[in-house]
Amino acid sequence: MSEDLVSRDFNCCLIHILKRLQGEKDVNIRTVGGFQFEAEGRLARVEDGLALATDVKVFTPGSDEAFRFGNVTINLCAITSVGED
């Protein structure tokens, strides 16, 4: 199997996990580049290639400092891992 197919299958698996976590609190998402999104509120929606979350702390690569946002939209193509606290 080519790397492209493996990568696509892995992304599909992550998207299915996110869809199951829809409506849950304390969902963590990491993206390409090392950005980490900690949704202290809810993972509000997963649709149309986007994940919408509320009350989110965003950690940038190489920094322990977090930025807080009321709402964020995350491109599902950029997701590398998903977790729940």
PDB file of N, CA and C in Angstrom:
ATOM      1  N   MET A   1       0.850  -1.177   0.000  1.00  0.00           N
ATOM      2  CA  MET A   1       0.000   0.000   0.000  1.00  0.00           C
ATOM      3  C   MET A   1       0.894   1.239   0.000  1.00  0.00           C
ATOM      4  N   SER A   2       0.545   2.232  -0.780  1.00  0.00           N
ATOM      5  CA  SER A   2       1.360   3.442  -0.860  1.00  0.00           C
ATOM      6  C   SER A   2       1.197   4.290   0.398  1.00  0.00           C
ATOM      7  N   GLU A   3       2.192   5.146   0.635  1.00  0.00           N
ATOM      8  CA  GLU A   3       2.142   6.038   1.805  1.00  0.00           C
ATOM      9  C   GLU A   3       0.915   6.937   1.765  1.00  0.00           C
ATOM     10  N   ASP A   4       0.536   7.368   0.567  1.00  0.00           N
ATOM     11  CA  ASP A   4      -0.623   8.252   0.422  1.00  0.00           C
ATOM     12  C   ASP A   4      -1.902   7.560   0.892  1.00  0.00           C
ATOM     13  N   LEU A   5      -2.070   6.291   0.534  1.00  0.00           N
ATOM     14  CA  LEU A   5      -3.261   5.550   0.956  1.00  0.00           C
ATOM     15  C   LEU A   5      -3.268   5.314   2.455  1.00  0.00           C
ATOM     16  N   VAL A   6      -2.108   4.984   3.022  1.00  0.00           N
ATOM     17  CA  VAL A   6      -2.008   4.772   4.465  1.00  0.00           C
ATOM     18  C   VAL A   6      -2.356   6.055   5.194  1.00  0.00           C
ATOM     19  N   SER A   7      -1.815   7.180   4.724  1.00  0.00           N
ATOM     20  CA  SER A   7      -2.088   8.484   5.337  1.00  0.00           C
ATOM     21  C   SER A   7      -3.580   8.814   5.262  1.00  0.00           C
ATOM     22  N   ARG A   8      -4.191   8.555   4.124  1.00  0.00           N
ATOM     23  CA  ARG A   8      -5.614   8.838   3.945  1.00  0.00           C
ATOM     24  C   ARG A   8      -6.466   7.963   4.870  1.00  0.00           C
ATOM     25  N   ASP A   9      -6.117   6.679   4.989  1.00  0.00           N
ATOM     26  CA  ASP A   9      -6.845   5.781   5.895  1.00  0.00           C
ATOM     27  C   ASP A   9      -6.714   6.236   7.338  1.00  0.00           C
ATOM     28  N   PHE A  10      -5.512   6.676   7.721  1.00  0.00           N
ATOM     29  CA  PHE A  10      -5.272   7.154   9.079  1.00  0.00           C
ATOM     30  C   PHE A  10      -6.123   8.392   9.354  1.00  0.00           C
ATOM     31  N   ASN A  11      -6.160   9.340   8.407  1.00  0.00           N
ATOM     32  CA  ASN A  11      -6.982  10.546   8.565  1.00  0.00           C
ATOM     33  C   ASN A  11      -8.458  10.193   8.677  1.00  0.00           C
ATOM     34  N   CYS A  12      -8.930   9.243   7.888  1.00  0.00           N
ATOM     35  CA  CYS A  12     -10.336   8.819   7.969  1.00  0.00           C
ATOM     36  C   CYS A  12     -10.640   8.257   9.347  1.00  0.00           C
ATOM     37  N   CYS A  13      -9.714   7.482   9.904  1.00  0.00           N
ATOM     38  CA  CYS A  13      -9.894   6.913  11.239  1.00  0.00           C
ATOM     39  C   CYS A  13     -10.008   8.024  12.282  1.00  0.00           C
ATOM     40  N   LEU A  14      -9.141   9.034  12.197  1.00  0.00           N
ATOM     41  CA  LEU A  14      -9.188  10.158  13.139  1.00  0.00           C
ATOM     42  C   LEU A  14     -10.498  10.931  13.020  1.00  0.00           C
ATOM     43  N   ILE A  15     -10.971  11.114  11.814  1.00  0.00           N
ATOM     44  CA  ILE A  15     -12.231  11.836  11.602  1.00  0.00           C
ATOM     45  C   ILE A  15     -13.398  11.048  12.204  1.00  0.00           C
ATOM     46  N   HIS A  16     -13.392   9.727  12.057  1.00  0.00           N
ATOM     47  CA  HIS A  16     -14.451   8.906  12.667  1.00  0.00           C
ATOM     48  C   HIS A  16     -14.409   9.017  14.187  1.00  0.00           C
ATOM     49  N   ILE A  17     -13.212   9.036  14.762  1.00  0.00           N
ATOM     50  CA  ILE A  17     -13.074   9.199  16.215  1.00  0.00           C
ATOM     51  C   ILE A  17     -13.636  10.551  16.639  1.00  0.00           C
ATOM     52  N   LEU A  18     -13.283  11.609  15.902  1.00  0.00           N
ATOM     53  CA  LEU A  18     -13.790  12.944  16.224  1.00  0.00           C
ATOM     54  C   LEU A  18     -15.310  12.999  16.149  1.00  0.00           C
ATOM     55  N   LYS A  19     -15.882  12.362  15.158  1.00  0.00           N
ATOM     56  CA  LYS A  19     -17.346  12.364  15.029  1.00  0.00           C
ATOM     57  C   LYS A  19     -17.999  11.685  16.226  1.00  0.00           C
ATOM     58  N   ARG A  20     -17.365  10.628  16.750  1.00  0.00           N
ATOM     59  CA  ARG A  20     -17.901   9.962  17.945  1.00  0.00           C
ATOM     60  C   ARG A  20     -17.764  10.846  19.178  1.00  0.00           C
ATOM     61  N   LEU A  21     -16.742  11.714  19.203  1.00  0.00           N
ATOM     62  CA  LEU A  21     -16.509  12.597  20.347  1.00  0.00           C
ATOM     63  C   LEU A  21     -17.320  13.892  20.270  1.00  0.00           C
ATOM     64  N   GLN A  22     -18.055  14.081  19.183  1.00  0.00           N
ATOM     65  CA  GLN A  22     -18.866  15.280  19.011  1.00  0.00           C
ATOM     66  C   GLN A  22     -19.794  15.469  20.212  1.00  0.00           C
ATOM     67  N   GLY A  23     -19.771  16.669  20.802  1.00  0.00           N
ATOM     68  CA  GLY A  23     -20.595  16.965  21.965  1.00  0.00           C
ATOM     69  C   GLY A  23     -19.888  16.716  23.284  1.00  0.00           C
ATOM     70  N   GLU A  24     -18.719  16.075  23.244  1.00  0.00           N
ATOM     71  CA  GLU A  24     -17.964  15.768  24.462  1.00  0.00           C
ATOM     72  C   GLU A  24     -17.116  16.958  24.900  1.00  0.00           C
ATOM     73  N   LYS A  25     -16.779  16.981  26.197  1.00  0.00           N
ATOM     74  CA  LYS A  25     -15.878  17.996  26.754  1.00  0.00           C
ATOM     75  C   LYS A  25     -14.463  17.439  26.817  1.00  0.00           C
ATOM     76  N   ASP A  26     -13.495  18.334  26.970  1.00  0.00           N
ATOM     77  CA  ASP A  26     -12.086  17.977  27.176  1.00  0.00           C
ATOM     78  C   ASP A  26     -11.511  17.103  26.064  1.00  0.00           C
ATOM     79  N   VAL A  27     -11.701  17.512  24.827  1.00  0.00           N
ATOM     80  CA  VAL A  27     -11.135  16.815  23.677  1.00  0.00           C
ATOM     81  C   VAL A  27      -9.850  17.534  23.275  1.00  0.00           C
ATOM     82  N   ASN A  28      -8.788  16.757  23.038  1.00  0.00           N
ATOM     83  CA  ASN A  28      -7.502  17.317  22.613  1.00  0.00           C
ATOM     84  C   ASN A  28      -7.228  16.921  21.171  1.00  0.00           C
ATOM     85  N   ILE A  29      -6.785  17.898  20.381  1.00  0.00           N
ATOM     86  CA  ILE A  29      -6.486  17.657  18.972  1.00  0.00           C
ATOM     87  C   ILE A  29      -5.106  18.231  18.673  1.00  0.00           C
ATOM     88  N   ARG A  30      -4.261  17.436  18.022  1.00  0.00           N
ATOM     89  CA  ARG A  30      -2.962  17.927  17.541  1.00  0.00           C
ATOM     90  C   ARG A  30      -3.006  17.981  16.021  1.00  0.00           C
ATOM     91  N   THR A  31      -2.284  18.973  15.492  1.00  0.00           N
ATOM     92  CA  THR A  31      -2.285  19.159  14.044  1.00  0.00           C
ATOM     93  C   THR A  31      -0.863  19.205  13.505  1.00  0.00           C
ATOM     94  N   VAL A  32      -0.774  19.192  12.187  1.00  0.00           N
ATOM     95  CA  VAL A  32       0.505  19.322  11.505  1.00  0.00           C
ATOM     96  C   VAL A  32       1.200  20.577  12.017  1.00  0.00           C
ATOM     97  N   GLY A  33       2.487  20.492  12.243  1.00  0.00           N
ATOM     98  CA  GLY A  33       3.232  21.639  12.749  1.00  0.00           C
ATOM     99  C   GLY A  33       3.348  21.631  14.261  1.00  0.00           C
ATOM    100  N   GLY A  34       2.653  20.721  14.940  1.00  0.00           N
ATOM    101  CA  GLY A  34       2.773  20.598  16.386  1.00  0.00           C
ATOM    102  C   GLY A  34       1.826  21.456  17.201  1.00  0.00           C
ATOM    103  N   PHE A  35       0.809  22.023  16.583  1.00  0.00           N
ATOM    104  CA  PHE A  35      -0.170  22.808  17.338  1.00  0.00           C
ATOM    105  C   PHE A  35      -1.075  21.865  18.127  1.00  0.00           C
ATOM    106  N   GLN A  36      -1.380  22.248  19.365  1.00  0.00           N
ATOM    107  CA  GLN A  36      -2.272  21.439  20.193  1.00  0.00           C
ATOM    108  C   GLN A  36      -3.470  22.273  20.608  1.00  0.00           C
ATOM    109  N   PHE A  37      -4.660  21.728  20.381  1.00  0.00           N
ATOM    110  CA  PHE A  37      -5.919  22.384  20.718  1.00  0.00           C
ATOM    111  C   PHE A  37      -6.571  21.601  21.848  1.00  0.00           C
ATOM    112  N   GLU A  38      -6.738  22.231  23.008  1.00  0.00           N
ATOM    113  CA  GLU A  38      -7.404  21.593  24.143  1.00  0.00           C
ATOM    114  C   GLU A  38      -8.769  22.243  24.320  1.00  0.00           C
ATOM    115  N   ALA A  39      -9.808  21.529  23.913  1.00  0.00           N
ATOM    116  CA  ALA A  39     -11.176  22.050  24.005  1.00  0.00           C
ATOM    117  C   ALA A  39     -11.700  21.805  25.414  1.00  0.00           C
ATOM    118  N   GLU A  40     -11.635  22.827  26.253  1.00  0.00           N
ATOM    119  CA  GLU A  40     -12.152  22.705  27.616  1.00  0.00           C
ATOM    120  C   GLU A  40     -13.676  22.757  27.615  1.00  0.00           C
ATOM    121  N   GLY A  41     -14.215  23.349  26.566  1.00  0.00           N
ATOM    122  CA  GLY A  41     -15.667  23.357  26.387  1.00  0.00           C
ATOM    123  C   GLY A  41     -16.066  22.085  25.672  1.00  0.00           C
ATOM    124  N   ARG A  42     -16.736  22.210  24.561  1.00  0.00           N
ATOM    125  CA  ARG A  42     -17.214  21.031  23.824  1.00  0.00           C
ATOM    126  C   ARG A  42     -16.662  21.005  22.404  1.00  0.00           C
ATOM    127  N   LEU A  43     -16.554  19.805  21.888  1.00  0.00           N
ATOM    128  CA  LEU A  43     -16.325  19.626  20.468  1.00  0.00           C
ATOM    129  C   LEU A  43     -17.705  19.755  19.842  1.00  0.00           C
ATOM    130  N   ALA A  44     -18.007  20.941  19.360  1.00  0.00           N
ATOM    131  CA  ALA A  44     -19.375  21.279  18.960  1.00  0.00           C
ATOM    132  C   ALA A  44     -19.848  20.546  17.707  1.00  0.00           C
ATOM    133  N   ARG A  45     -19.012  20.538  16.660  1.00  0.00           N
ATOM    134  CA  ARG A  45     -19.434  19.936  15.390  1.00  0.00           C
ATOM    135  C   ARG A  45     -18.237  19.400  14.636  1.00  0.00           C
ATOM    136  N   VAL A  46     -18.471  18.357  13.863  1.00  0.00           N
ATOM    137  CA  VAL A  46     -17.474  17.823  12.939  1.00  0.00           C
ATOM    138  C   VAL A  46     -18.204  17.593  11.626  1.00  0.00           C
ATOM    139  N   GLU A  47     -17.933  18.465  10.643  1.00  0.00           N
ATOM    140  CA  GLU A  47     -18.605  18.340   9.348  1.00  0.00           C
ATOM    141  C   GLU A  47     -17.897  19.178   8.305  1.00  0.00           C
ATOM    142  N   ASP A  48     -18.115  18.824   7.050  1.00  0.00           N
ATOM    143  CA  ASP A  48     -17.569  19.574   5.912  1.00  0.00           C
ATOM    144  C   ASP A  48     -16.067  19.794   6.015  1.00  0.00           C
ATOM    145  N   GLY A  49     -15.342  18.805   6.539  1.00  0.00           N
ATOM    146  CA  GLY A  49     -13.888  18.909   6.615  1.00  0.00           C
ATOM    147  C   GLY A  49     -13.379  19.802   7.724  1.00  0.00           C
ATOM    148  N   LEU A  50     -14.263  20.184   8.662  1.00  0.00           N
ATOM    149  CA  LEU A  50     -13.879  21.080   9.756  1.00  0.00           C
ATOM    150  C   LEU A  50     -14.381  20.551  11.095  1.00  0.00           C
ATOM    151  N   ALA A  51     -13.621  20.857  12.153  1.00  0.00           N
ATOM    152  CA  ALA A  51     -14.058  20.572  13.522  1.00  0.00           C
ATOM    153  C   ALA A  51     -14.231  21.911  14.223  1.00  0.00           C
ATOM    154  N   LEU A  52     -15.345  22.100  14.899  1.00  0.00           N
ATOM    155  CA  LEU A  52     -15.630  23.336  15.624  1.00  0.00           C
ATOM    156  C   LEU A  52     -15.633  23.030  17.113  1.00  0.00           C
ATOM    157  N   ALA A  53     -14.853  23.794  17.890  1.00  0.00           N
ATOM    158  CA  ALA A  53     -14.754  23.560  19.330  1.00  0.00           C
ATOM    159  C   ALA A  53     -14.917  24.872  20.086  1.00  0.00           C
ATOM    160  N   THR A  54     -15.338  24.764  21.370  1.00  0.00           N
ATOM    161  CA  THR A  54     -15.550  25.948  22.206  1.00  0.00           C
ATOM    162  C   THR A  54     -14.603  25.938  23.397  1.00  0.00           C
ATOM    163  N   ASP A  55     -14.332  27.138  23.931  1.00  0.00           N
ATOM    164  CA  ASP A  55     -13.445  27.328  25.084  1.00  0.00           C
ATOM    165  C   ASP A  55     -12.150  26.539  24.910  1.00  0.00           C
ATOM    166  N   VAL A  56     -11.319  26.994  23.984  1.00  0.00           N
ATOM    167  CA  VAL A  56     -10.135  26.244  23.574  1.00  0.00           C
ATOM    168  C   VAL A  56      -8.849  26.948  23.985  1.00  0.00           C
ATOM    169  N   LYS A  57      -7.899  26.142  24.489  1.00  0.00           N
ATOM    170  CA  LYS A  57      -6.532  26.604  24.711  1.00  0.00           C
ATOM    171  C   LYS A  57      -5.703  26.070  23.552  1.00  0.00           C
ATOM    172  N   VAL A  58      -4.936  26.957  22.909  1.00  0.00           N
ATOM    173  CA  VAL A  58      -4.091  26.556  21.789  1.00  0.00           C
ATOM    174  C   VAL A  58      -2.635  26.720  22.202  1.00  0.00           C
ATOM    175  N   PHE A  59      -1.892  25.618  22.144  1.00  0.00           N
ATOM    176  CA  PHE A  59      -0.463  25.634  22.432  1.00  0.00           C
ATOM    177  C   PHE A  59       0.285  25.626  21.107  1.00  0.00           C
ATOM    178  N   THR A  60       1.216  26.568  20.948  1.00  0.00           N
ATOM    179  CA  THR A  60       2.003  26.631  19.726  1.00  0.00           C
ATOM    180  C   THR A  60       3.249  25.765  19.885  1.00  0.00           C
ATOM    181  N   PRO A  61       3.834  25.307  18.785  1.00  0.00           N
ATOM    182  CA  PRO A  61       5.014  24.451  18.852  1.00  0.00           C
ATOM    183  C   PRO A  61       6.171  25.137  19.580  1.00  0.00           C
ATOM    184  N   GLY A  62       6.817  24.401  20.471  1.00  0.00           N
ATOM    185  CA  GLY A  62       7.989  24.914  21.169  1.00  0.00           C
ATOM    186  C   GLY A  62       7.695  25.898  22.280  1.00  0.00           C
ATOM    187  N   SER A  63       6.448  26.034  22.692  1.00  0.00           N
ATOM    188  CA  SER A  63       6.083  26.997  23.730  1.00  0.00           C
ATOM    189  C   SER A  63       5.149  26.343  24.742  1.00  0.00           C
ATOM    190  N   ASP A  64       5.329  26.713  26.004  1.00  0.00           N
ATOM    191  CA  ASP A  64       4.425  26.228  27.050  1.00  0.00           C
ATOM    192  C   ASP A  64       3.261  27.185  27.263  1.00  0.00           C
ATOM    193  N   GLU A  65       3.340  28.345  26.617  1.00  0.00           N
ATOM    194  CA  GLU A  65       2.299  29.360  26.759  1.00  0.00           C
ATOM    195  C   GLU A  65       1.111  29.022  25.853  1.00  0.00           C
ATOM    196  N   ALA A  66      -0.092  29.223  26.383  1.00  0.00           N
ATOM    197  CA  ALA A  66      -1.298  28.920  25.612  1.00  0.00           C
ATOM    198  C   ALA A  66      -2.086  30.194  25.330  1.00  0.00           C
ATOM    199  N   PHE A  67      -2.741  30.199  24.189  1.00  0.00           N
ATOM    200  CA  PHE A  67      -3.670  31.262  23.826  1.00  0.00           C
ATOM    201  C   PHE A  67      -5.071  30.713  24.046  1.00  0.00           C
ATOM    202  N   ARG A  68      -5.970  31.539  24.577  1.00  0.00           N
ATOM    203  CA  ARG A  68      -7.350  31.097  24.828  1.00  0.00           C
ATOM    204  C   ARG A  68      -8.288  31.730  23.797  1.00  0.00           C
ATOM    205  N   PHE A  69      -9.187  30.895  23.283  1.00  0.00           N
ATOM    206  CA  PHE A  69     -10.181  31.349  22.317  1.00  0.00           C
ATOM    207  C   PHE A  69     -11.549  30.814  22.719  1.00  0.00           C
ATOM    208  N   GLY A  70     -12.585  31.590  22.448  1.00  0.00           N
ATOM    209  CA  GLY A  70     -13.947  31.141  22.723  1.00  0.00           C
ATOM    210  C   GLY A  70     -14.386  30.050  21.765  1.00  0.00           C
ATOM    211  N   ASN A  71     -14.015  30.191  20.493  1.00  0.00           N
ATOM    212  CA  ASN A  71     -14.360  29.211  19.457  1.00  0.00           C
ATOM    213  C   ASN A  71     -13.193  29.073  18.496  1.00  0.00           C
ATOM    214  N   VAL A  72     -12.957  27.860  18.015  1.00  0.00           N
ATOM    215  CA  VAL A  72     -11.956  27.646  16.971  1.00  0.00           C
ATOM    216  C   VAL A  72     -12.518  26.689  15.925  1.00  0.00           C
ATOM    217  N   THR A  73     -11.996  26.819  14.720  1.00  0.00           N
ATOM    218  CA  THR A  73     -12.318  25.916  13.627  1.00  0.00           C
ATOM    219  C   THR A  73     -11.015  25.266  13.190  1.00  0.00           C
ATOM    220  N   ILE A  74     -10.999  23.939  13.137  1.00  0.00           N
ATOM    221  CA  ILE A  74      -9.787  23.193  12.805  1.00  0.00           C
ATOM    222  C   ILE A  74     -10.028  22.423  11.513  1.00  0.00           C
ATOM    223  N   ASN A  75      -9.093  22.545  10.581  1.00  0.00           N
ATOM    224  CA  ASN A  75      -9.163  21.824   9.316  1.00  0.00           C
ATOM    225  C   ASN A  75      -8.846  20.350   9.575  1.00  0.00           C
ATOM    226  N   LEU A  76      -9.753  19.458   9.240  1.00  0.00           N
ATOM    227  CA  LEU A  76      -9.567  18.037   9.515  1.00  0.00           C
ATOM    228  C   LEU A  76      -8.405  17.426   8.740  1.00  0.00           C
ATOM    229  N   CYS A  77      -8.013  18.023   7.634  1.00  0.00           N
ATOM    230  CA  CYS A  77      -6.879  17.509   6.861  1.00  0.00           C
ATOM    231  C   CYS A  77      -5.562  17.661   7.622  1.00  0.00           C
ATOM    232  N   ALA A  78      -5.519  18.569   8.595  1.00  0.00           N
ATOM    233  CA  ALA A  78      -4.286  18.852   9.325  1.00  0.00           C
ATOM    234  C   ALA A  78      -4.142  18.045  10.612  1.00  0.00           C
ATOM    235  N   ILE A  79      -5.142  17.264  10.980  1.00  0.00           N
ATOM    236  CA  ILE A  79      -5.122  16.550  12.259  1.00  0.00           C
ATOM    237  C   ILE A  79      -4.138  15.383  12.219  1.00  0.00           C
ATOM    238  N   THR A  80      -3.313  15.284  13.285  1.00  0.00           N
ATOM    239  CA  THR A  80      -2.367  14.171  13.405  1.00  0.00           C
ATOM    240  C   THR A  80      -2.709  13.244  14.563  1.00  0.00           C
ATOM    241  N   SER A  81      -3.428  13.742  15.575  1.00  0.00           N
ATOM    242  CA  SER A  81      -3.858  12.877  16.682  1.00  0.00           C
ATOM    243  C   SER A  81      -5.045  13.490  17.404  1.00  0.00           C
ATOM    244  N   VAL A  82      -5.792  12.615  18.086  1.00  0.00           N
ATOM    245  CA  VAL A  82      -6.995  13.011  18.813  1.00  0.00           C
ATOM    246  C   VAL A  82      -6.988  12.288  20.149  1.00  0.00           C
ATOM    247  N   GLY A  83      -7.408  12.984  21.205  1.00  0.00           N
ATOM    248  CA  GLY A  83      -7.480  12.346  22.515  1.00  0.00           C
ATOM    249  C   GLY A  83      -8.551  12.989  23.370  1.00  0.00           C
ATOM    250  N   GLU A  84      -8.772  12.394  24.535  1.00  0.00           N
ATOM    251  CA  GLU A  84      -9.783  12.899  25.456  1.00  0.00           C
ATOM    252  C   GLU A  84      -9.212  12.828  26.859  1.00  0.00           C
ATOM    253  N   ASP A  85      -9.408  13.913  27.646  1.00  0.00           N
ATOM    254  CA  ASP A  85      -8.927  13.913  29.037  1.00  0.00           C
ATOM    255  C   ASP A  85      -9.846  13.119  29.916  1.00  0.00           C
TER     256      ASP A  85
END
